[in-house]
């Protein structure tokens, strides 16, 4: 397991029963999940938050936009978009389009990366979001 998960488990082990119940309620509220469990013992109540936390997956908020492929007949249209998106000059943008796969932008928001992806794909190119 990762260090982050090991640290979380260690923290869960220190919770009181009341704190564990509050944690479960908060997880249900924040993530919109139902943690209803038939409880046979107090140990099961304490382990319930651990099980719920393990199921919670962080949604990625930062993306790298990678120009994956450019058809030969679409290079000019995609070159214009690359120049617009990156703010680079004609030569630098042409180098990106000619030498795919290349990263166009790093650590940008989901909305911005989706917008770039739509523009490039509408022009005939292929984008990967990492």
N, C-alpha and C. Protein backbone atom coordinates (compact mmCIF):
# COMPACT_ATOMS: atom_id res chain seq x y z
N UNK A 1 0.83 -1.19 0.00
CA UNK A 1 0.00 0.00 0.00
C UNK A 1 0.87 1.25 0.00
N UNK A 2 0.27 2.35 -0.44
CA UNK A 2 1.01 3.59 -0.46
C UNK A 2 1.10 4.18 0.95
N UNK A 3 2.03 5.07 1.12
CA UNK A 3 2.22 5.74 2.41
C UNK A 3 0.97 6.52 2.79
N UNK A 4 0.34 7.13 1.82
CA UNK A 4 -0.87 7.92 2.08
C UNK A 4 -1.97 7.04 2.67
N UNK A 5 -2.16 5.85 2.08
CA UNK A 5 -3.19 4.93 2.57
C UNK A 5 -2.81 4.41 3.95
N UNK A 6 -1.54 4.07 4.15
CA UNK A 6 -1.09 3.61 5.47
C UNK A 6 -1.34 4.67 6.54
N UNK A 7 -1.08 5.93 6.20
CA UNK A 7 -1.32 7.02 7.15
C UNK A 7 -2.81 7.17 7.46
N UNK A 8 -3.65 7.05 6.44
CA UNK A 8 -5.09 7.14 6.66
C UNK A 8 -5.58 6.02 7.57
N UNK A 9 -5.12 4.82 7.33
CA UNK A 9 -5.53 3.68 8.15
C UNK A 9 -5.10 3.89 9.59
N UNK A 10 -3.88 4.37 9.78
CA UNK A 10 -3.40 4.64 11.14
C UNK A 10 -4.28 5.67 11.82
N UNK A 11 -4.71 6.69 11.09
CA UNK A 11 -5.60 7.71 11.65
C UNK A 11 -6.97 7.13 11.98
N UNK A 12 -7.50 6.27 11.10
CA UNK A 12 -8.80 5.66 11.36
C UNK A 12 -8.77 4.81 12.61
N UNK A 13 -7.67 4.16 12.90
CA UNK A 13 -7.56 3.30 14.07
C UNK A 13 -7.64 4.09 15.36
N UNK A 14 -7.35 5.38 15.31
CA UNK A 14 -7.37 6.20 16.53
C UNK A 14 -8.73 6.84 16.79
N UNK A 15 -9.68 6.70 15.86
CA UNK A 15 -10.99 7.32 16.03
C UNK A 15 -11.80 6.65 17.13
N UNK A 16 -12.55 7.48 17.85
CA UNK A 16 -13.51 6.93 18.80
C UNK A 16 -14.74 6.51 18.02
N UNK A 17 -15.64 5.80 18.64
CA UNK A 17 -16.85 5.34 17.98
C UNK A 17 -17.68 6.53 17.49
N UNK A 18 -17.78 7.55 18.31
CA UNK A 18 -18.54 8.75 17.93
C UNK A 18 -17.88 9.44 16.73
N UNK A 19 -16.55 9.56 16.76
CA UNK A 19 -15.85 10.19 15.63
C UNK A 19 -16.01 9.38 14.35
N UNK A 20 -15.99 8.06 14.47
CA UNK A 20 -16.16 7.19 13.30
C UNK A 20 -17.55 7.39 12.71
N UNK A 21 -18.56 7.48 13.56
CA UNK A 21 -19.93 7.69 13.09
C UNK A 21 -20.05 9.05 12.40
N UNK A 22 -19.42 10.08 12.96
CA UNK A 22 -19.44 11.40 12.34
C UNK A 22 -18.73 11.38 10.98
N UNK A 23 -17.63 10.65 10.91
CA UNK A 23 -16.89 10.53 9.65
C UNK A 23 -17.75 9.88 8.58
N UNK A 24 -18.43 8.80 8.95
CA UNK A 24 -19.29 8.11 7.99
C UNK A 24 -20.40 9.05 7.51
N UNK A 25 -21.01 9.77 8.42
CA UNK A 25 -22.08 10.71 8.04
C UNK A 25 -21.55 11.78 7.08
N UNK A 26 -20.36 12.30 7.36
CA UNK A 26 -19.78 13.33 6.51
C UNK A 26 -19.42 12.78 5.13
N UNK A 27 -18.89 11.57 5.09
CA UNK A 27 -18.56 10.95 3.80
C UNK A 27 -19.84 10.74 2.99
N UNK A 28 -20.91 10.29 3.64
CA UNK A 28 -22.18 10.12 2.94
C UNK A 28 -22.67 11.44 2.37
N UNK A 29 -22.57 12.51 3.16
CA UNK A 29 -23.05 13.81 2.73
C UNK A 29 -22.20 14.37 1.59
N UNK A 30 -20.90 14.36 1.74
CA UNK A 30 -19.99 14.98 0.77
C UNK A 30 -19.97 14.23 -0.55
N UNK A 31 -19.91 12.89 -0.49
CA UNK A 31 -19.74 12.10 -1.71
C UNK A 31 -21.04 11.47 -2.21
N UNK A 32 -22.14 11.69 -1.49
CA UNK A 32 -23.43 11.17 -1.95
C UNK A 32 -23.48 9.66 -2.00
N UNK A 33 -22.87 9.00 -1.02
CA UNK A 33 -22.88 7.55 -0.97
C UNK A 33 -23.69 7.07 0.21
N UNK A 34 -24.12 5.80 0.15
CA UNK A 34 -24.87 5.20 1.24
C UNK A 34 -23.98 4.14 1.88
N UNK A 35 -23.69 4.32 3.16
CA UNK A 35 -22.81 3.38 3.85
C UNK A 35 -23.58 2.49 4.81
N UNK A 36 -24.87 2.33 4.56
CA UNK A 36 -25.68 1.48 5.43
C UNK A 36 -25.08 0.09 5.49
N UNK A 37 -24.82 -0.36 6.74
CA UNK A 37 -24.21 -1.66 6.95
C UNK A 37 -24.93 -2.33 8.11
N UNK A 38 -25.19 -3.60 7.95
CA UNK A 38 -25.74 -4.37 9.06
C UNK A 38 -24.60 -4.61 10.04
N UNK A 39 -24.67 -4.00 11.21
CA UNK A 39 -23.57 -4.04 12.16
C UNK A 39 -23.77 -5.19 13.14
N UNK A 40 -22.78 -6.10 13.15
CA UNK A 40 -22.85 -7.23 14.07
C UNK A 40 -22.04 -6.97 15.33
N UNK A 41 -21.09 -6.08 15.23
CA UNK A 41 -20.27 -5.79 16.40
C UNK A 41 -19.72 -4.38 16.32
N UNK A 42 -19.17 -3.90 17.42
CA UNK A 42 -18.59 -2.57 17.46
C UNK A 42 -17.40 -2.50 16.51
N UNK A 43 -16.65 -3.56 16.36
CA UNK A 43 -15.51 -3.59 15.45
C UNK A 43 -15.92 -3.30 14.03
N UNK A 44 -17.10 -3.77 13.63
CA UNK A 44 -17.58 -3.51 12.27
C UNK A 44 -17.88 -2.04 12.08
N UNK A 45 -18.39 -1.36 13.11
CA UNK A 45 -18.69 0.06 13.02
C UNK A 45 -17.41 0.85 12.82
N UNK A 46 -16.37 0.50 13.54
CA UNK A 46 -15.11 1.22 13.43
C UNK A 46 -14.46 0.96 12.07
N UNK A 47 -14.63 -0.25 11.52
CA UNK A 47 -14.01 -0.54 10.23
C UNK A 47 -14.80 0.02 9.06
N UNK A 48 -16.05 0.40 9.24
CA UNK A 48 -16.87 0.93 8.16
C UNK A 48 -16.26 2.17 7.51
N UNK A 49 -15.75 3.15 8.29
CA UNK A 49 -15.15 4.32 7.63
C UNK A 49 -13.95 3.96 6.78
N UNK A 50 -13.19 2.97 7.18
CA UNK A 50 -12.03 2.55 6.39
C UNK A 50 -12.49 2.01 5.05
N UNK A 51 -13.55 1.19 5.05
CA UNK A 51 -14.05 0.62 3.81
C UNK A 51 -14.59 1.71 2.89
N UNK A 52 -15.30 2.66 3.45
CA UNK A 52 -15.86 3.75 2.65
C UNK A 52 -14.75 4.62 2.09
N UNK A 53 -13.75 4.93 2.89
CA UNK A 53 -12.65 5.78 2.42
C UNK A 53 -11.87 5.10 1.31
N UNK A 54 -11.77 3.80 1.35
CA UNK A 54 -11.04 3.08 0.32
C UNK A 54 -11.77 3.15 -1.02
N UNK A 55 -13.10 3.29 -0.99
CA UNK A 55 -13.88 3.35 -2.21
C UNK A 55 -13.89 4.73 -2.84
N UNK A 56 -13.56 5.76 -2.07
CA UNK A 56 -13.57 7.12 -2.57
C UNK A 56 -12.36 7.33 -3.47
N UNK A 57 -12.62 7.78 -4.69
CA UNK A 57 -11.56 8.01 -5.66
C UNK A 57 -11.47 9.51 -5.91
N UNK A 58 -10.26 10.03 -5.82
CA UNK A 58 -10.08 11.45 -6.08
C UNK A 58 -10.27 11.74 -7.56
N UNK A 59 -11.02 12.79 -7.85
CA UNK A 59 -11.18 13.19 -9.24
C UNK A 59 -10.01 14.08 -9.61
N UNK A 60 -9.43 13.80 -10.75
CA UNK A 60 -8.27 14.54 -11.20
C UNK A 60 -8.69 15.96 -11.59
N UNK A 61 -7.90 16.95 -11.17
CA UNK A 61 -8.25 18.34 -11.46
C UNK A 61 -7.24 19.02 -12.39
N UNK A 62 -6.06 18.46 -12.54
CA UNK A 62 -5.03 19.04 -13.40
C UNK A 62 -4.71 18.05 -14.52
N UNK A 63 -4.65 18.55 -15.74
CA UNK A 63 -4.43 17.69 -16.90
C UNK A 63 -3.29 18.22 -17.76
N UNK A 64 -2.62 17.29 -18.43
CA UNK A 64 -1.66 17.63 -19.47
C UNK A 64 -2.33 17.31 -20.81
N UNK A 65 -2.27 18.23 -21.75
CA UNK A 65 -2.87 18.03 -23.06
C UNK A 65 -1.75 17.64 -24.02
N UNK A 66 -1.87 16.43 -24.59
CA UNK A 66 -0.84 15.91 -25.49
C UNK A 66 -1.42 15.77 -26.89
N UNK A 67 -0.79 16.43 -27.86
CA UNK A 67 -1.17 16.26 -29.27
C UNK A 67 -0.62 14.92 -29.71
N UNK A 68 -1.53 13.98 -30.01
CA UNK A 68 -1.15 12.59 -30.26
C UNK A 68 -0.91 12.30 -31.73
N UNK A 69 -1.78 12.79 -32.59
CA UNK A 69 -1.58 12.55 -34.02
C UNK A 69 -2.21 13.66 -34.84
N UNK A 70 -1.60 13.87 -36.01
CA UNK A 70 -2.06 14.91 -36.92
C UNK A 70 -2.05 14.33 -38.33
N UNK A 71 -3.24 14.22 -38.96
CA UNK A 71 -3.27 13.75 -40.34
C UNK A 71 -2.58 14.79 -41.25
N UNK A 72 -1.89 14.31 -42.27
CA UNK A 72 -1.13 15.20 -43.15
C UNK A 72 -1.99 16.28 -43.78
N UNK A 73 -3.23 15.92 -44.15
CA UNK A 73 -4.10 16.90 -44.82
C UNK A 73 -4.74 17.90 -43.86
N UNK A 74 -4.52 17.74 -42.55
CA UNK A 74 -5.12 18.63 -41.54
C UNK A 74 -4.08 19.47 -40.80
N UNK A 75 -2.82 19.40 -41.23
CA UNK A 75 -1.73 20.06 -40.49
C UNK A 75 -1.91 21.56 -40.35
N UNK A 76 -2.32 22.22 -41.40
CA UNK A 76 -2.44 23.68 -41.35
C UNK A 76 -3.51 24.12 -40.37
N UNK A 77 -4.66 23.47 -40.41
CA UNK A 77 -5.74 23.82 -39.48
C UNK A 77 -5.33 23.58 -38.04
N UNK A 78 -4.66 22.45 -37.80
CA UNK A 78 -4.23 22.12 -36.44
C UNK A 78 -3.10 23.05 -36.01
N UNK A 79 -2.22 23.42 -36.92
CA UNK A 79 -1.14 24.36 -36.63
C UNK A 79 -1.69 25.69 -36.12
N UNK A 80 -2.75 26.17 -36.74
CA UNK A 80 -3.37 27.43 -36.32
C UNK A 80 -3.90 27.31 -34.89
N UNK A 81 -4.52 26.19 -34.58
CA UNK A 81 -5.06 25.98 -33.23
C UNK A 81 -3.93 25.88 -32.22
N UNK A 82 -2.86 25.16 -32.57
CA UNK A 82 -1.72 25.01 -31.67
C UNK A 82 -1.11 26.38 -31.37
N UNK A 83 -0.96 27.21 -32.37
CA UNK A 83 -0.42 28.57 -32.16
C UNK A 83 -1.32 29.36 -31.22
N UNK A 84 -2.62 29.25 -31.44
CA UNK A 84 -3.59 29.96 -30.62
C UNK A 84 -3.54 29.50 -29.16
N UNK A 85 -3.49 28.18 -28.96
CA UNK A 85 -3.55 27.59 -27.63
C UNK A 85 -2.26 27.84 -26.84
N UNK A 86 -1.12 27.68 -27.52
CA UNK A 86 0.16 27.77 -26.82
C UNK A 86 0.76 29.17 -26.79
N UNK A 87 0.39 30.01 -27.75
CA UNK A 87 0.97 31.34 -27.83
C UNK A 87 2.36 31.33 -28.44
N UNK A 88 2.74 30.19 -29.02
CA UNK A 88 4.06 30.07 -29.64
C UNK A 88 4.05 30.65 -31.04
N UNK A 89 5.25 30.85 -31.57
CA UNK A 89 5.39 31.35 -32.93
C UNK A 89 5.13 30.25 -33.94
N UNK A 90 5.17 30.63 -35.21
CA UNK A 90 4.88 29.70 -36.30
C UNK A 90 5.87 28.53 -36.32
N UNK A 91 7.16 28.81 -36.21
CA UNK A 91 8.18 27.75 -36.28
C UNK A 91 8.01 26.76 -35.12
N UNK A 92 7.85 27.26 -33.90
CA UNK A 92 7.71 26.39 -32.74
C UNK A 92 6.44 25.54 -32.83
N UNK A 93 5.36 26.15 -33.28
CA UNK A 93 4.10 25.42 -33.43
C UNK A 93 4.22 24.36 -34.51
N UNK A 94 4.91 24.70 -35.60
CA UNK A 94 5.11 23.72 -36.68
C UNK A 94 5.94 22.53 -36.18
N UNK A 95 6.94 22.80 -35.34
CA UNK A 95 7.75 21.72 -34.76
C UNK A 95 6.89 20.78 -33.93
N UNK A 96 5.95 21.31 -33.18
CA UNK A 96 5.05 20.48 -32.38
C UNK A 96 4.20 19.61 -33.29
N UNK A 97 3.58 20.22 -34.28
CA UNK A 97 2.67 19.50 -35.18
C UNK A 97 3.42 18.44 -35.98
N UNK A 98 4.66 18.72 -36.36
CA UNK A 98 5.44 17.77 -37.15
C UNK A 98 6.05 16.63 -36.32
N UNK A 99 6.15 16.81 -35.03
CA UNK A 99 6.83 15.82 -34.18
C UNK A 99 5.92 15.31 -33.05
N UNK A 100 4.76 14.79 -33.40
CA UNK A 100 3.84 14.28 -32.39
C UNK A 100 4.30 12.91 -31.91
N UNK A 101 3.98 12.49 -30.74
CA UNK A 101 3.19 13.16 -29.71
C UNK A 101 4.01 14.21 -28.96
N UNK A 102 3.37 15.33 -28.69
CA UNK A 102 3.99 16.45 -27.97
C UNK A 102 2.98 17.04 -26.98
N UNK A 103 3.48 17.49 -25.84
CA UNK A 103 2.64 18.13 -24.84
C UNK A 103 2.37 19.57 -25.29
N UNK A 104 1.08 19.92 -25.37
CA UNK A 104 0.71 21.29 -25.72
C UNK A 104 0.67 22.18 -24.48
N UNK A 105 0.02 21.67 -23.44
CA UNK A 105 -0.11 22.43 -22.19
C UNK A 105 -0.03 21.46 -21.03
N UNK A 106 0.53 21.91 -19.91
CA UNK A 106 0.67 21.08 -18.72
C UNK A 106 -0.10 21.68 -17.56
N UNK A 107 -0.63 20.80 -16.73
CA UNK A 107 -1.30 21.18 -15.48
C UNK A 107 -2.35 22.26 -15.67
N UNK A 108 -3.30 22.00 -16.56
CA UNK A 108 -4.39 22.95 -16.78
C UNK A 108 -5.69 22.34 -16.28
N UNK A 109 -6.70 23.17 -16.16
CA UNK A 109 -7.99 22.72 -15.63
C UNK A 109 -8.69 21.77 -16.60
N UNK A 110 -9.65 21.05 -16.06
CA UNK A 110 -10.41 20.10 -16.86
C UNK A 110 -11.16 20.83 -17.98
N UNK A 111 -11.76 21.97 -17.65
CA UNK A 111 -12.54 22.72 -18.63
C UNK A 111 -11.66 23.19 -19.79
N UNK A 112 -10.49 23.74 -19.45
CA UNK A 112 -9.60 24.23 -20.50
C UNK A 112 -9.09 23.08 -21.36
N UNK A 113 -8.75 21.95 -20.71
CA UNK A 113 -8.24 20.81 -21.48
C UNK A 113 -9.32 20.24 -22.39
N UNK A 114 -10.57 20.21 -21.94
CA UNK A 114 -11.67 19.72 -22.77
C UNK A 114 -11.91 20.65 -23.97
N UNK A 115 -11.79 21.96 -23.74
CA UNK A 115 -11.96 22.93 -24.82
C UNK A 115 -10.90 22.73 -25.89
N UNK A 116 -9.65 22.57 -25.47
CA UNK A 116 -8.55 22.35 -26.42
C UNK A 116 -8.78 21.04 -27.18
N UNK A 117 -9.18 20.02 -26.47
CA UNK A 117 -9.42 18.71 -27.09
C UNK A 117 -10.50 18.82 -28.17
N UNK A 118 -11.60 19.51 -27.87
CA UNK A 118 -12.68 19.67 -28.84
C UNK A 118 -12.20 20.41 -30.09
N UNK A 119 -11.42 21.47 -29.88
CA UNK A 119 -10.93 22.26 -31.02
C UNK A 119 -10.04 21.42 -31.93
N UNK A 120 -9.08 20.72 -31.33
CA UNK A 120 -8.13 19.92 -32.11
C UNK A 120 -8.84 18.77 -32.82
N UNK A 121 -9.75 18.09 -32.10
CA UNK A 121 -10.46 16.97 -32.71
C UNK A 121 -11.40 17.43 -33.80
N UNK A 122 -11.99 18.62 -33.66
CA UNK A 122 -12.85 19.16 -34.72
C UNK A 122 -12.04 19.44 -35.98
N UNK A 123 -10.76 19.77 -35.79
CA UNK A 123 -9.88 20.04 -36.93
C UNK A 123 -9.29 18.76 -37.51
N UNK A 124 -9.48 17.62 -36.84
CA UNK A 124 -9.01 16.35 -37.37
C UNK A 124 -7.86 15.70 -36.63
N UNK A 125 -7.36 16.35 -35.58
CA UNK A 125 -6.25 15.78 -34.81
C UNK A 125 -6.74 14.93 -33.67
N UNK A 126 -5.80 14.29 -32.99
CA UNK A 126 -6.14 13.48 -31.82
C UNK A 126 -5.38 13.99 -30.61
N UNK A 127 -6.10 14.05 -29.48
CA UNK A 127 -5.55 14.58 -28.23
C UNK A 127 -5.66 13.52 -27.15
N UNK A 128 -4.65 13.48 -26.28
CA UNK A 128 -4.70 12.66 -25.08
C UNK A 128 -4.68 13.59 -23.88
N UNK A 129 -5.52 13.30 -22.90
CA UNK A 129 -5.51 14.05 -21.65
C UNK A 129 -4.89 13.16 -20.58
N UNK A 130 -3.83 13.64 -19.98
CA UNK A 130 -3.15 12.85 -18.94
C UNK A 130 -3.23 13.56 -17.63
